[in-house]
Amino acid sequence: MATTSYTHRIDSELRTQSEAIYAALGMTLGTAINVFLRKSVAVGGFPFDVRLDVPTRETLEAMLEAEKIAKDSKVEALSVEDALEELKR
């Protein structure tokens, strides 16, 4: 297997923390990076979920509706027991 070098700048504290984790697992940071890259190739992308923590439009609308209901003095809150009973109907 032919190898090549790759240089990349990373935060020194991140490197130190990462090296400690991978040393505890019995590998170097370089080996861990190779594991990550091999898994990425095997799955055709990141080997874990990568996404922004941005609520969907539907979630935002539900949150706004919940706030509106919470502020409405005409709305009577149900107890947990009553809410469960409502769900059974």
N, C-alpha and C. Protein backbone atom coordinates (compact mmCIF):
# COMPACT_ATOMS: atom_id res chain seq x y z
N MET A 1 0.86 -1.17 0.00
CA MET A 1 0.00 0.00 0.00
C MET A 1 0.90 1.24 0.00
N ALA A 2 0.72 2.08 -0.98
CA ALA A 2 1.46 3.34 -1.03
C ALA A 2 0.82 4.33 -0.07
N THR A 3 1.64 5.15 0.56
CA THR A 3 1.12 6.14 1.49
C THR A 3 1.53 7.53 1.03
N THR A 4 0.86 8.51 1.55
CA THR A 4 1.16 9.90 1.27
C THR A 4 1.01 10.71 2.55
N SER A 5 1.68 11.83 2.61
CA SER A 5 1.57 12.69 3.79
C SER A 5 0.53 13.77 3.52
N TYR A 6 -0.11 14.17 4.58
CA TYR A 6 -1.10 15.25 4.51
C TYR A 6 -0.92 16.10 5.76
N THR A 7 -0.78 17.39 5.58
CA THR A 7 -0.60 18.30 6.70
C THR A 7 -1.82 19.19 6.83
N HIS A 8 -2.30 19.30 8.06
CA HIS A 8 -3.48 20.12 8.31
C HIS A 8 -3.32 20.80 9.66
N ARG A 9 -3.74 22.04 9.77
CA ARG A 9 -3.65 22.77 11.04
C ARG A 9 -4.90 22.47 11.87
N ILE A 10 -4.67 22.14 13.13
CA ILE A 10 -5.78 21.94 14.06
C ILE A 10 -5.44 22.63 15.37
N ASP A 11 -6.46 22.91 16.12
CA ASP A 11 -6.31 23.53 17.43
C ASP A 11 -5.44 22.63 18.30
N SER A 12 -4.46 23.20 18.98
CA SER A 12 -3.52 22.39 19.77
C SER A 12 -4.22 21.66 20.92
N GLU A 13 -5.20 22.30 21.55
CA GLU A 13 -5.93 21.64 22.65
C GLU A 13 -6.77 20.48 22.11
N LEU A 14 -7.38 20.66 20.95
CA LEU A 14 -8.14 19.58 20.32
C LEU A 14 -7.23 18.40 20.00
N ARG A 15 -6.04 18.70 19.49
CA ARG A 15 -5.09 17.63 19.18
C ARG A 15 -4.70 16.88 20.45
N THR A 16 -4.37 17.60 21.50
CA THR A 16 -3.96 16.98 22.76
C THR A 16 -5.06 16.08 23.31
N GLN A 17 -6.29 16.59 23.32
CA GLN A 17 -7.42 15.80 23.83
C GLN A 17 -7.67 14.57 22.96
N SER A 18 -7.60 14.75 21.64
CA SER A 18 -7.83 13.63 20.72
C SER A 18 -6.74 12.58 20.87
N GLU A 19 -5.49 13.01 20.96
CA GLU A 19 -4.38 12.05 21.12
C GLU A 19 -4.55 11.25 22.39
N ALA A 20 -5.02 11.87 23.47
CA ALA A 20 -5.22 11.15 24.73
C ALA A 20 -6.31 10.09 24.58
N ILE A 21 -7.39 10.44 23.90
CA ILE A 21 -8.49 9.48 23.68
C ILE A 21 -8.00 8.30 22.87
N TYR A 22 -7.32 8.58 21.75
CA TYR A 22 -6.89 7.49 20.87
C TYR A 22 -5.75 6.68 21.48
N ALA A 23 -4.90 7.30 22.29
CA ALA A 23 -3.86 6.55 23.00
C ALA A 23 -4.50 5.53 23.94
N ALA A 24 -5.59 5.95 24.61
CA ALA A 24 -6.30 5.03 25.51
C ALA A 24 -6.90 3.86 24.73
N LEU A 25 -7.17 4.09 23.46
CA LEU A 25 -7.71 3.03 22.59
C LEU A 25 -6.58 2.25 21.91
N GLY A 26 -5.34 2.61 22.20
CA GLY A 26 -4.20 1.89 21.66
C GLY A 26 -3.80 2.29 20.25
N MET A 27 -4.10 3.53 19.86
CA MET A 27 -3.73 3.96 18.51
C MET A 27 -3.26 5.40 18.51
N THR A 28 -2.58 5.76 17.45
CA THR A 28 -2.12 7.13 17.29
C THR A 28 -3.23 7.96 16.64
N LEU A 29 -3.04 9.26 16.66
CA LEU A 29 -4.00 10.15 15.99
C LEU A 29 -4.01 9.85 14.49
N GLY A 30 -2.85 9.57 13.92
CA GLY A 30 -2.78 9.22 12.50
C GLY A 30 -3.59 7.98 12.17
N THR A 31 -3.50 6.96 13.02
CA THR A 31 -4.29 5.75 12.82
C THR A 31 -5.78 6.04 12.93
N ALA A 32 -6.15 6.87 13.90
CA ALA A 32 -7.56 7.23 14.07
C ALA A 32 -8.09 7.97 12.84
N ILE A 33 -7.28 8.85 12.29
CA ILE A 33 -7.69 9.57 11.08
C ILE A 33 -7.87 8.59 9.93
N ASN A 34 -6.96 7.62 9.80
CA ASN A 34 -7.11 6.61 8.75
C ASN A 34 -8.36 5.77 8.94
N VAL A 35 -8.69 5.44 10.19
CA VAL A 35 -9.93 4.70 10.47
C VAL A 35 -11.13 5.52 10.01
N PHE A 36 -11.13 6.81 10.38
CA PHE A 36 -12.21 7.70 9.96
C PHE A 36 -12.34 7.74 8.44
N LEU A 37 -11.23 7.91 7.74
CA LEU A 37 -11.28 8.00 6.28
C LEU A 37 -11.74 6.68 5.63
N ARG A 38 -11.26 5.56 6.16
CA ARG A 38 -11.69 4.26 5.61
C ARG A 38 -13.20 4.05 5.82
N LYS A 39 -13.67 4.40 6.98
CA LYS A 39 -15.11 4.25 7.25
C LYS A 39 -15.91 5.20 6.37
N SER A 40 -15.41 6.40 6.15
CA SER A 40 -16.08 7.36 5.27
C SER A 40 -16.22 6.80 3.86
N VAL A 41 -15.16 6.18 3.36
CA VAL A 41 -15.19 5.57 2.03
C VAL A 41 -16.19 4.41 2.01
N ALA A 42 -16.18 3.61 3.07
CA ALA A 42 -17.07 2.44 3.13
C ALA A 42 -18.54 2.82 3.12
N VAL A 43 -18.89 3.91 3.80
CA VAL A 43 -20.30 4.30 3.88
C VAL A 43 -20.68 5.38 2.86
N GLY A 44 -19.68 5.91 2.17
CA GLY A 44 -19.97 6.92 1.15
C GLY A 44 -20.25 8.30 1.71
N GLY A 45 -19.65 8.64 2.82
CA GLY A 45 -19.85 9.95 3.44
C GLY A 45 -19.36 9.92 4.88
N PHE A 46 -19.83 10.88 5.65
CA PHE A 46 -19.46 10.88 7.06
C PHE A 46 -19.98 9.61 7.72
N PRO A 47 -19.18 9.01 8.59
CA PRO A 47 -19.63 7.79 9.26
C PRO A 47 -20.49 8.08 10.49
N PHE A 48 -21.03 9.28 10.55
CA PHE A 48 -21.93 9.68 11.63
C PHE A 48 -22.80 10.80 11.10
N ASP A 49 -23.86 11.11 11.82
CA ASP A 49 -24.81 12.13 11.40
C ASP A 49 -24.21 13.52 11.54
N VAL A 50 -24.25 14.30 10.46
CA VAL A 50 -23.74 15.66 10.48
C VAL A 50 -24.86 16.57 10.00
N ARG A 51 -25.30 17.45 10.86
CA ARG A 51 -26.38 18.36 10.47
C ARG A 51 -26.40 19.57 11.39
N LEU A 52 -27.04 20.59 10.93
CA LEU A 52 -27.22 21.79 11.73
C LEU A 52 -28.36 21.54 12.71
N ASP A 53 -28.25 22.10 13.89
CA ASP A 53 -29.32 21.97 14.87
C ASP A 53 -30.31 23.11 14.67
N VAL A 54 -30.94 23.10 13.50
CA VAL A 54 -31.92 24.12 13.15
C VAL A 54 -33.28 23.44 13.08
N PRO A 55 -34.25 23.94 13.83
CA PRO A 55 -35.57 23.32 13.77
C PRO A 55 -36.21 23.48 12.39
N THR A 56 -37.00 22.49 12.01
CA THR A 56 -37.71 22.56 10.74
C THR A 56 -38.82 23.60 10.84
N ARG A 57 -39.38 23.95 9.71
CA ARG A 57 -40.49 24.91 9.69
C ARG A 57 -41.66 24.39 10.53
N GLU A 58 -41.95 23.11 10.39
CA GLU A 58 -43.05 22.50 11.14
C GLU A 58 -42.80 22.60 12.65
N THR A 59 -41.56 22.36 13.06
CA THR A 59 -41.22 22.45 14.47
C THR A 59 -41.35 23.88 14.97
N LEU A 60 -40.87 24.84 14.18
CA LEU A 60 -40.98 26.24 14.56
C LEU A 60 -42.44 26.66 14.72
N GLU A 61 -43.29 26.23 13.77
CA GLU A 61 -44.71 26.56 13.85
C GLU A 61 -45.33 25.96 15.10
N ALA A 62 -44.96 24.73 15.43
CA ALA A 62 -45.50 24.08 16.63
C ALA A 62 -45.03 24.80 17.89
N MET A 63 -43.79 25.26 17.90
CA MET A 63 -43.27 25.99 19.05
C MET A 63 -44.01 27.32 19.23
N LEU A 64 -44.25 28.01 18.13
CA LEU A 64 -44.98 29.28 18.20
C LEU A 64 -46.41 29.06 18.68
N GLU A 65 -47.04 28.00 18.18
CA GLU A 65 -48.40 27.69 18.60
C GLU A 65 -48.43 27.36 20.09
N ALA A 66 -47.44 26.61 20.57
CA ALA A 66 -47.38 26.25 21.99
C ALA A 66 -47.21 27.49 22.86
N GLU A 67 -46.37 28.42 22.41
CA GLU A 67 -46.21 29.67 23.16
C GLU A 67 -47.50 30.46 23.21
N LYS A 68 -48.20 30.51 22.08
CA LYS A 68 -49.47 31.23 22.00
C LYS A 68 -50.50 30.62 22.96
N ILE A 69 -50.59 29.30 22.96
CA ILE A 69 -51.53 28.61 23.84
C ILE A 69 -51.16 28.84 25.30
N ALA A 70 -49.86 28.80 25.60
CA ALA A 70 -49.41 28.97 26.98
C ALA A 70 -49.75 30.35 27.51
N LYS A 71 -49.77 31.35 26.64
CA LYS A 71 -50.07 32.72 27.07
C LYS A 71 -51.56 33.03 27.10
N ASP A 72 -52.37 32.15 26.54
CA ASP A 72 -53.81 32.37 26.46
C ASP A 72 -54.46 32.01 27.79
N SER A 73 -55.00 33.01 28.48
CA SER A 73 -55.59 32.77 29.80
C SER A 73 -56.89 31.98 29.71
N LYS A 74 -57.47 31.88 28.52
CA LYS A 74 -58.72 31.12 28.35
C LYS A 74 -58.48 29.62 28.26
N VAL A 75 -57.24 29.22 28.02
CA VAL A 75 -56.91 27.80 27.86
C VAL A 75 -56.66 27.20 29.23
N GLU A 76 -57.38 26.12 29.51
CA GLU A 76 -57.22 25.44 30.79
C GLU A 76 -56.30 24.24 30.58
N ALA A 77 -55.25 24.17 31.37
CA ALA A 77 -54.29 23.08 31.24
C ALA A 77 -54.88 21.79 31.81
N LEU A 78 -54.56 20.68 31.17
CA LEU A 78 -54.98 19.37 31.64
C LEU A 78 -53.91 18.78 32.55
N SER A 79 -54.33 17.96 33.47
CA SER A 79 -53.35 17.22 34.26
C SER A 79 -52.78 16.12 33.36
N VAL A 80 -51.69 15.55 33.78
CA VAL A 80 -51.08 14.47 33.01
C VAL A 80 -52.07 13.32 32.86
N GLU A 81 -52.76 13.00 33.93
CA GLU A 81 -53.74 11.92 33.87
C GLU A 81 -54.84 12.20 32.88
N ASP A 82 -55.38 13.44 32.92
CA ASP A 82 -56.45 13.82 31.98
C ASP A 82 -55.94 13.80 30.54
N ALA A 83 -54.72 14.25 30.33
CA ALA A 83 -54.15 14.26 28.98
C ALA A 83 -54.02 12.83 28.46
N LEU A 84 -53.57 11.91 29.32
CA LEU A 84 -53.47 10.51 28.90
C LEU A 84 -54.83 9.91 28.58
N GLU A 85 -55.82 10.28 29.35
CA GLU A 85 -57.20 9.82 29.08
C GLU A 85 -57.68 10.34 27.72
N GLU A 86 -57.38 11.59 27.44
CA GLU A 86 -57.76 12.19 26.14
C GLU A 86 -57.11 11.43 24.99
N LEU A 87 -55.88 11.02 25.18
CA LEU A 87 -55.16 10.29 24.13
C LEU A 87 -55.78 8.92 23.88
N LYS A 88 -56.36 8.32 24.91
CA LYS A 88 -56.96 6.99 24.79
C LYS A 88 -58.26 7.02 24.00
N ARG A 89 -58.91 8.18 23.93
CA ARG A 89 -60.20 8.29 23.26
C ARG A 89 -60.08 8.27 21.77
